[in-house]
């Protein structure tokens, strides 16, 4: 029970989890970590598109991948 409460209220837990996901996306060369990924989301839907070819590919990576932070 205490772990559940910690997970619900500990902001650092979620921040650390988000950082871990971002790190994994970069290591896996995932589209979401690529500077060519365009976030077209609005307050109703979530939609990401590749600058070079419309919707993100199913494999979510390509030869044109380039790190957002670079």
PDB file of N, CA and C in Angstrom:
ATOM      1  N   UNK A   1       0.826  -1.201   0.000  1.00  0.00           N
ATOM      2  CA  UNK A   1       0.000   0.000   0.000  1.00  0.00           C
ATOM      3  C   UNK A   1       0.866   1.259   0.000  1.00  0.00           C
ATOM      4  N   UNK A   2       1.942   1.246   0.776  1.00  0.00           N
ATOM      5  CA  UNK A   2       2.783   2.434   0.839  1.00  0.00           C
ATOM      6  C   UNK A   2       3.457   2.712  -0.507  1.00  0.00           C
ATOM      7  N   UNK A   3       3.810   1.661  -1.244  1.00  0.00           N
ATOM      8  CA  UNK A   3       4.400   1.870  -2.570  1.00  0.00           C
ATOM      9  C   UNK A   3       3.405   2.519  -3.514  1.00  0.00           C
ATOM     10  N   UNK A   4       2.154   2.126  -3.428  1.00  0.00           N
ATOM     11  CA  UNK A   4       1.117   2.719  -4.266  1.00  0.00           C
ATOM     12  C   UNK A   4       0.959   4.197  -3.941  1.00  0.00           C
ATOM     13  N   UNK A   5       0.929   4.554  -2.679  1.00  0.00           N
ATOM     14  CA  UNK A   5       0.807   5.950  -2.279  1.00  0.00           C
ATOM     15  C   UNK A   5       2.020   6.753  -2.731  1.00  0.00           C
ATOM     16  N   UNK A   6       3.198   6.172  -2.600  1.00  0.00           N
ATOM     17  CA  UNK A   6       4.415   6.857  -3.035  1.00  0.00           C
ATOM     18  C   UNK A   6       4.351   7.118  -4.537  1.00  0.00           C
ATOM     19  N   UNK A   7       3.936   6.118  -5.293  1.00  0.00           N
ATOM     20  CA  UNK A   7       3.867   6.262  -6.741  1.00  0.00           C
ATOM     21  C   UNK A   7       2.848   7.321  -7.152  1.00  0.00           C
ATOM     22  N   UNK A   8       1.758   7.427  -6.422  1.00  0.00           N
ATOM     23  CA  UNK A   8       0.725   8.390  -6.755  1.00  0.00           C
ATOM     24  C   UNK A   8       1.123   9.825  -6.440  1.00  0.00           C
ATOM     25  N   UNK A   9       1.917  10.025  -5.392  1.00  0.00           N
ATOM     26  CA  UNK A   9       2.180  11.375  -4.918  1.00  0.00           C
ATOM     27  C   UNK A   9       3.617  11.842  -5.054  1.00  0.00           C
ATOM     28  N   UNK A  10       4.526  10.971  -5.404  1.00  0.00           N
ATOM     29  CA  UNK A  10       5.934  11.352  -5.490  1.00  0.00           C
ATOM     30  C   UNK A  10       6.260  11.861  -6.889  1.00  0.00           C
ATOM     31  N   UNK A  11       6.427  13.172  -7.031  1.00  0.00           N
ATOM     32  CA  UNK A  11       6.708  13.770  -8.335  1.00  0.00           C
ATOM     33  C   UNK A  11       8.073  13.335  -8.862  1.00  0.00           C
ATOM     34  N   UNK A  12       9.023  13.119  -7.964  1.00  0.00           N
ATOM     35  CA  UNK A  12      10.348  12.693  -8.400  1.00  0.00           C
ATOM     36  C   UNK A  12      10.296  11.322  -9.060  1.00  0.00           C
ATOM     37  N   UNK A  13       9.418  10.466  -8.581  1.00  0.00           N
ATOM     38  CA  UNK A  13       9.273   9.135  -9.162  1.00  0.00           C
ATOM     39  C   UNK A  13       8.876   9.249 -10.630  1.00  0.00           C
ATOM     40  N   UNK A  14       7.883  10.091 -10.942  1.00  0.00           N
ATOM     41  CA  UNK A  14       7.423  10.252 -12.312  1.00  0.00           C
ATOM     42  C   UNK A  14       8.464  10.969 -13.167  1.00  0.00           C
ATOM     43  N   UNK A  15       9.152  11.930 -12.591  1.00  0.00           N
ATOM     44  CA  UNK A  15      10.199  12.639 -13.313  1.00  0.00           C
ATOM     45  C   UNK A  15      11.325  11.680 -13.703  1.00  0.00           C
ATOM     46  N   UNK A  16      11.726  10.835 -12.773  1.00  0.00           N
ATOM     47  CA  UNK A  16      12.775   9.855 -13.050  1.00  0.00           C
ATOM     48  C   UNK A  16      12.326   8.844 -14.097  1.00  0.00           C
ATOM     49  N   UNK A  17      11.065   8.430 -14.033  1.00  0.00           N
ATOM     50  CA  UNK A  17      10.533   7.474 -14.994  1.00  0.00           C
ATOM     51  C   UNK A  17      10.516   8.098 -16.400  1.00  0.00           C
ATOM     52  N   UNK A  18      10.116   9.357 -16.506  1.00  0.00           N
ATOM     53  CA  UNK A  18      10.085  10.048 -17.790  1.00  0.00           C
ATOM     54  C   UNK A  18      11.500  10.178 -18.362  1.00  0.00           C
ATOM     55  N   UNK A  19      12.459  10.528 -17.524  1.00  0.00           N
ATOM     56  CA  UNK A  19      13.848  10.627 -17.983  1.00  0.00           C
ATOM     57  C   UNK A  19      14.360   9.285 -18.479  1.00  0.00           C
ATOM     58  N   UNK A  20      13.986   8.204 -17.815  1.00  0.00           N
ATOM     59  CA  UNK A  20      14.403   6.864 -18.237  1.00  0.00           C
ATOM     60  C   UNK A  20      13.803   6.522 -19.605  1.00  0.00           C
ATOM     61  N   UNK A  21      12.538   6.842 -19.820  1.00  0.00           N
ATOM     62  CA  UNK A  21      11.899   6.582 -21.117  1.00  0.00           C
ATOM     63  C   UNK A  21      12.578   7.381 -22.227  1.00  0.00           C
ATOM     64  N   UNK A  22      12.904   8.652 -21.943  1.00  0.00           N
ATOM     65  CA  UNK A  22      13.571   9.482 -22.942  1.00  0.00           C
ATOM     66  C   UNK A  22      14.947   8.914 -23.281  1.00  0.00           C
ATOM     67  N   UNK A  23      15.660   8.433 -22.278  1.00  0.00           N
ATOM     68  CA  UNK A  23      16.974   7.837 -22.496  1.00  0.00           C
ATOM     69  C   UNK A  23      16.845   6.580 -23.370  1.00  0.00           C
ATOM     70  N   UNK A  24      15.857   5.743 -23.074  1.00  0.00           N
ATOM     71  CA  UNK A  24      15.632   4.529 -23.867  1.00  0.00           C
ATOM     72  C   UNK A  24      15.260   4.868 -25.307  1.00  0.00           C
ATOM     73  N   UNK A  25      14.452   5.922 -25.505  1.00  0.00           N
ATOM     74  CA  UNK A  25      14.087   6.335 -26.859  1.00  0.00           C
ATOM     75  C   UNK A  25      15.324   6.722 -27.664  1.00  0.00           C
ATOM     76  N   UNK A  26      16.247   7.438 -27.050  1.00  0.00           N
ATOM     77  CA  UNK A  26      17.480   7.826 -27.740  1.00  0.00           C
ATOM     78  C   UNK A  26      18.340   6.616 -28.054  1.00  0.00           C
ATOM     79  N   UNK A  27      18.480   5.721 -27.095  1.00  0.00           N
ATOM     80  CA  UNK A  27      19.305   4.529 -27.300  1.00  0.00           C
ATOM     81  C   UNK A  27      18.737   3.639 -28.401  1.00  0.00           C
ATOM     82  N   UNK A  28      17.405   3.571 -28.497  1.00  0.00           N
ATOM     83  CA  UNK A  28      16.751   2.737 -29.502  1.00  0.00           C
ATOM     84  C   UNK A  28      16.546   3.471 -30.832  1.00  0.00           C
ATOM     85  N   UNK A  29      17.013   4.712 -30.897  1.00  0.00           N
ATOM     86  CA  UNK A  29      16.834   5.538 -32.097  1.00  0.00           C
ATOM     87  C   UNK A  29      15.356   5.601 -32.489  1.00  0.00           C
ATOM     88  N   UNK A  30      14.529   5.829 -31.501  1.00  0.00           N
ATOM     89  CA  UNK A  30      13.088   5.893 -31.699  1.00  0.00           C
ATOM     90  C   UNK A  30      12.694   7.235 -32.319  1.00  0.00           C
ATOM     91  N   UNK A  31      11.671   7.239 -33.150  1.00  0.00           N
ATOM     92  CA  UNK A  31      11.224   8.462 -33.824  1.00  0.00           C
ATOM     93  C   UNK A  31      10.928   9.599 -32.849  1.00  0.00           C
ATOM     94  N   UNK A  32      10.420   9.284 -31.672  1.00  0.00           N
ATOM     95  CA  UNK A  32      10.042  10.331 -30.719  1.00  0.00           C
ATOM     96  C   UNK A  32      11.253  11.106 -30.198  1.00  0.00           C
ATOM     97  N   UNK A  33      12.464  10.549 -30.370  1.00  0.00           N
ATOM     98  CA  UNK A  33      13.683  11.231 -29.951  1.00  0.00           C
ATOM     99  C   UNK A  33      14.403  11.862 -31.136  1.00  0.00           C
ATOM    100  N   UNK A  34      13.765  11.846 -32.294  1.00  0.00           N
ATOM    101  CA  UNK A  34      14.377  12.368 -33.522  1.00  0.00           C
ATOM    102  C   UNK A  34      13.924  13.806 -33.759  1.00  0.00           C
ATOM    103  N   UNK A  35      14.830  14.649 -34.260  1.00  0.00           N
ATOM    104  CA  UNK A  35      14.454  16.038 -34.513  1.00  0.00           C
ATOM    105  C   UNK A  35      13.506  16.172 -35.703  1.00  0.00           C
ATOM    106  N   UNK A  36      13.344  15.115 -36.478  1.00  0.00           N
ATOM    107  CA  UNK A  36      12.450  15.142 -37.639  1.00  0.00           C
ATOM    108  C   UNK A  36      11.000  14.801 -37.259  1.00  0.00           C
ATOM    109  N   UNK A  37      10.780  14.429 -35.990  1.00  0.00           N
ATOM    110  CA  UNK A  37       9.437  14.100 -35.510  1.00  0.00           C
ATOM    111  C   UNK A  37       8.666  15.393 -35.226  1.00  0.00           C
ATOM    112  N   UNK A  38       7.518  15.536 -35.860  1.00  0.00           N
ATOM    113  CA  UNK A  38       6.675  16.712 -35.675  1.00  0.00           C
ATOM    114  C   UNK A  38       5.482  16.340 -34.804  1.00  0.00           C
ATOM    115  N   UNK A  39       5.324  17.048 -33.703  1.00  0.00           N
ATOM    116  CA  UNK A  39       4.194  16.800 -32.808  1.00  0.00           C
ATOM    117  C   UNK A  39       3.010  17.633 -33.292  1.00  0.00           C
ATOM    118  N   UNK A  40       2.003  16.967 -33.826  1.00  0.00           N
ATOM    119  CA  UNK A  40       0.829  17.642 -34.375  1.00  0.00           C
ATOM    120  C   UNK A  40      -0.375  17.473 -33.436  1.00  0.00           C
ATOM    121  N   UNK A  41      -0.107  17.183 -32.173  1.00  0.00           N
ATOM    122  CA  UNK A  41      -1.165  16.910 -31.205  1.00  0.00           C
ATOM    123  C   UNK A  41      -1.928  18.185 -30.861  1.00  0.00           C
ATOM    124  N   UNK A  42      -3.174  18.006 -30.515  1.00  0.00           N
ATOM    125  CA  UNK A  42      -3.970  19.101 -29.972  1.00  0.00           C
ATOM    126  C   UNK A  42      -4.557  18.636 -28.646  1.00  0.00           C
ATOM    127  N   UNK A  43      -5.471  19.390 -28.090  1.00  0.00           N
ATOM    128  CA  UNK A  43      -5.993  19.001 -26.775  1.00  0.00           C
ATOM    129  C   UNK A  43      -6.942  17.810 -26.829  1.00  0.00           C
ATOM    130  N   UNK A  44      -7.289  17.346 -28.040  1.00  0.00           N
ATOM    131  CA  UNK A  44      -8.202  16.219 -28.172  1.00  0.00           C
ATOM    132  C   UNK A  44      -7.510  14.929 -28.622  1.00  0.00           C
ATOM    133  N   UNK A  45      -6.474  15.044 -29.428  1.00  0.00           N
ATOM    134  CA  UNK A  45      -5.811  13.860 -29.983  1.00  0.00           C
ATOM    135  C   UNK A  45      -4.294  13.990 -29.883  1.00  0.00           C
ATOM    136  N   UNK A  46      -3.631  12.850 -29.950  1.00  0.00           N
ATOM    137  CA  UNK A  46      -2.177  12.803 -29.984  1.00  0.00           C
ATOM    138  C   UNK A  46      -1.775  12.289 -31.360  1.00  0.00           C
ATOM    139  N   UNK A  47      -0.956  13.063 -32.049  1.00  0.00           N
ATOM    140  CA  UNK A  47      -0.559  12.673 -33.401  1.00  0.00           C
ATOM    141  C   UNK A  47       0.860  13.158 -33.668  1.00  0.00           C
ATOM    142  N   UNK A  48       1.712  12.252 -34.098  1.00  0.00           N
ATOM    143  CA  UNK A  48       3.088  12.587 -34.451  1.00  0.00           C
ATOM    144  C   UNK A  48       3.332  12.204 -35.898  1.00  0.00           C
ATOM    145  N   UNK A  49       4.087  13.034 -36.587  1.00  0.00           N
ATOM    146  CA  UNK A  49       4.342  12.828 -37.998  1.00  0.00           C
ATOM    147  C   UNK A  49       5.832  13.008 -38.265  1.00  0.00           C
ATOM    148  N   UNK A  50       6.331  12.306 -39.266  1.00  0.00           N
ATOM    149  CA  UNK A  50       7.727  12.458 -39.674  1.00  0.00           C
ATOM    150  C   UNK A  50       7.814  13.583 -40.696  1.00  0.00           C
ATOM    151  N   UNK A  51       8.803  14.432 -40.559  1.00  0.00           N
ATOM    152  CA  UNK A  51       9.011  15.541 -41.484  1.00  0.00           C
ATOM    153  C   UNK A  51       9.154  15.049 -42.928  1.00  0.00           C
ATOM    154  N   UNK A  52       9.668  13.837 -43.113  1.00  0.00           N
ATOM    155  CA  UNK A  52       9.954  13.338 -44.451  1.00  0.00           C
ATOM    156  C   UNK A  52       8.905  12.412 -45.048  1.00  0.00           C
ATOM    157  N   UNK A  53       7.925  11.980 -44.262  1.00  0.00           N
ATOM    158  CA  UNK A  53       7.031  11.016 -44.889  1.00  0.00           C
ATOM    159  C   UNK A  53       5.708  10.792 -44.221  1.00  0.00           C
ATOM    160  N   UNK A  54       5.091  11.784 -43.675  1.00  0.00           N
ATOM    161  CA  UNK A  54       3.783  11.599 -43.074  1.00  0.00           C
ATOM    162  C   UNK A  54       3.846  10.899 -41.731  1.00  0.00           C
ATOM    163  N   UNK A  55       2.892  10.016 -41.463  1.00  0.00           N
ATOM    164  CA  UNK A  55       2.842   9.334 -40.153  1.00  0.00           C
ATOM    165  C   UNK A  55       4.130   8.565 -39.868  1.00  0.00           C
ATOM    166  N   UNK A  56       4.433   8.397 -38.600  1.00  0.00           N
ATOM    167  CA  UNK A  56       5.652   7.689 -38.215  1.00  0.00           C
ATOM    168  C   UNK A  56       5.625   6.256 -38.731  1.00  0.00           C
ATOM    169  N   UNK A  57       6.759   5.742 -39.181  1.00  0.00           N
ATOM    170  CA  UNK A  57       6.802   4.361 -39.668  1.00  0.00           C
ATOM    171  C   UNK A  57       6.510   3.367 -38.549  1.00  0.00           C
ATOM    172  N   UNK A  58       6.011   2.186 -38.906  1.00  0.00           N
ATOM    173  CA  UNK A  58       5.682   1.177 -37.894  1.00  0.00           C
ATOM    174  C   UNK A  58       6.897   0.797 -37.071  1.00  0.00           C
ATOM    175  N   UNK A  59       8.067   0.716 -37.720  1.00  0.00           N
ATOM    176  CA  UNK A  59       9.282   0.352 -36.983  1.00  0.00           C
ATOM    177  C   UNK A  59       9.818   1.534 -36.170  1.00  0.00           C
ATOM    178  N   UNK A  60       9.245   2.708 -36.371  1.00  0.00           N
ATOM    179  CA  UNK A  60       9.552   3.927 -35.627  1.00  0.00           C
ATOM    180  C   UNK A  60      11.028   4.292 -35.634  1.00  0.00           C
ATOM    181  N   UNK A  61      11.707   4.054 -36.724  1.00  0.00           N
ATOM    182  CA  UNK A  61      13.068   4.546 -36.907  1.00  0.00           C
ATOM    183  C   UNK A  61      13.381   4.529 -38.401  1.00  0.00           C
ATOM    184  N   UNK A  62      14.409   5.241 -38.815  1.00  0.00           N
ATOM    185  CA  UNK A  62      14.771   5.295 -40.230  1.00  0.00           C
ATOM    186  C   UNK A  62      16.243   5.649 -40.375  1.00  0.00           C
ATOM    187  N   UNK A  63      16.712   5.712 -41.597  1.00  0.00           N
ATOM    188  CA  UNK A  63      18.110   6.051 -41.860  1.00  0.00           C
ATOM    189  C   UNK A  63      18.388   7.537 -41.673  1.00  0.00           C
ATOM    190  N   UNK A  64      17.335   8.365 -41.652  1.00  0.00           N
ATOM    191  CA  UNK A  64      17.497   9.811 -41.519  1.00  0.00           C
ATOM    192  C   UNK A  64      17.400  10.279 -40.065  1.00  0.00           C
ATOM    193  N   UNK A  65      17.423   9.346 -39.130  1.00  0.00           N
ATOM    194  CA  UNK A  65      17.258   9.671 -37.710  1.00  0.00           C
ATOM    195  C   UNK A  65      18.366  10.598 -37.235  1.00  0.00           C
ATOM    196  N   UNK A  66      17.977  11.633 -36.492  1.00  0.00           N
ATOM    197  CA  UNK A  66      18.947  12.570 -35.933  1.00  0.00           C
ATOM    198  C   UNK A  66      18.466  13.017 -34.551  1.00  0.00           C
ATOM    199  N   UNK A  67      19.342  12.951 -33.569  1.00  0.00           N
ATOM    200  CA  UNK A  67      19.001  13.258 -32.181  1.00  0.00           C
ATOM    201  C   UNK A  67      18.482  14.686 -32.024  1.00  0.00           C
ATOM    202  N   UNK A  68      17.364  14.854 -31.304  1.00  0.00           N
ATOM    203  CA  UNK A  68      16.777  16.176 -31.057  1.00  0.00           C
ATOM    204  C   UNK A  68      17.740  17.095 -30.320  1.00  0.00           C
ATOM    205  N   UNK A  69      18.477  16.538 -29.365  1.00  0.00           N
ATOM    206  CA  UNK A  69      19.337  17.366 -28.512  1.00  0.00           C
ATOM    207  C   UNK A  69      20.672  17.714 -29.149  1.00  0.00           C
ATOM    208  N   UNK A  70      20.994  17.090 -30.258  1.00  0.00           N
ATOM    209  CA  UNK A  70      22.304  17.323 -30.889  1.00  0.00           C
ATOM    210  C   UNK A  70      22.330  18.643 -31.629  1.00  0.00           C
TER     211      UNK A  70
END
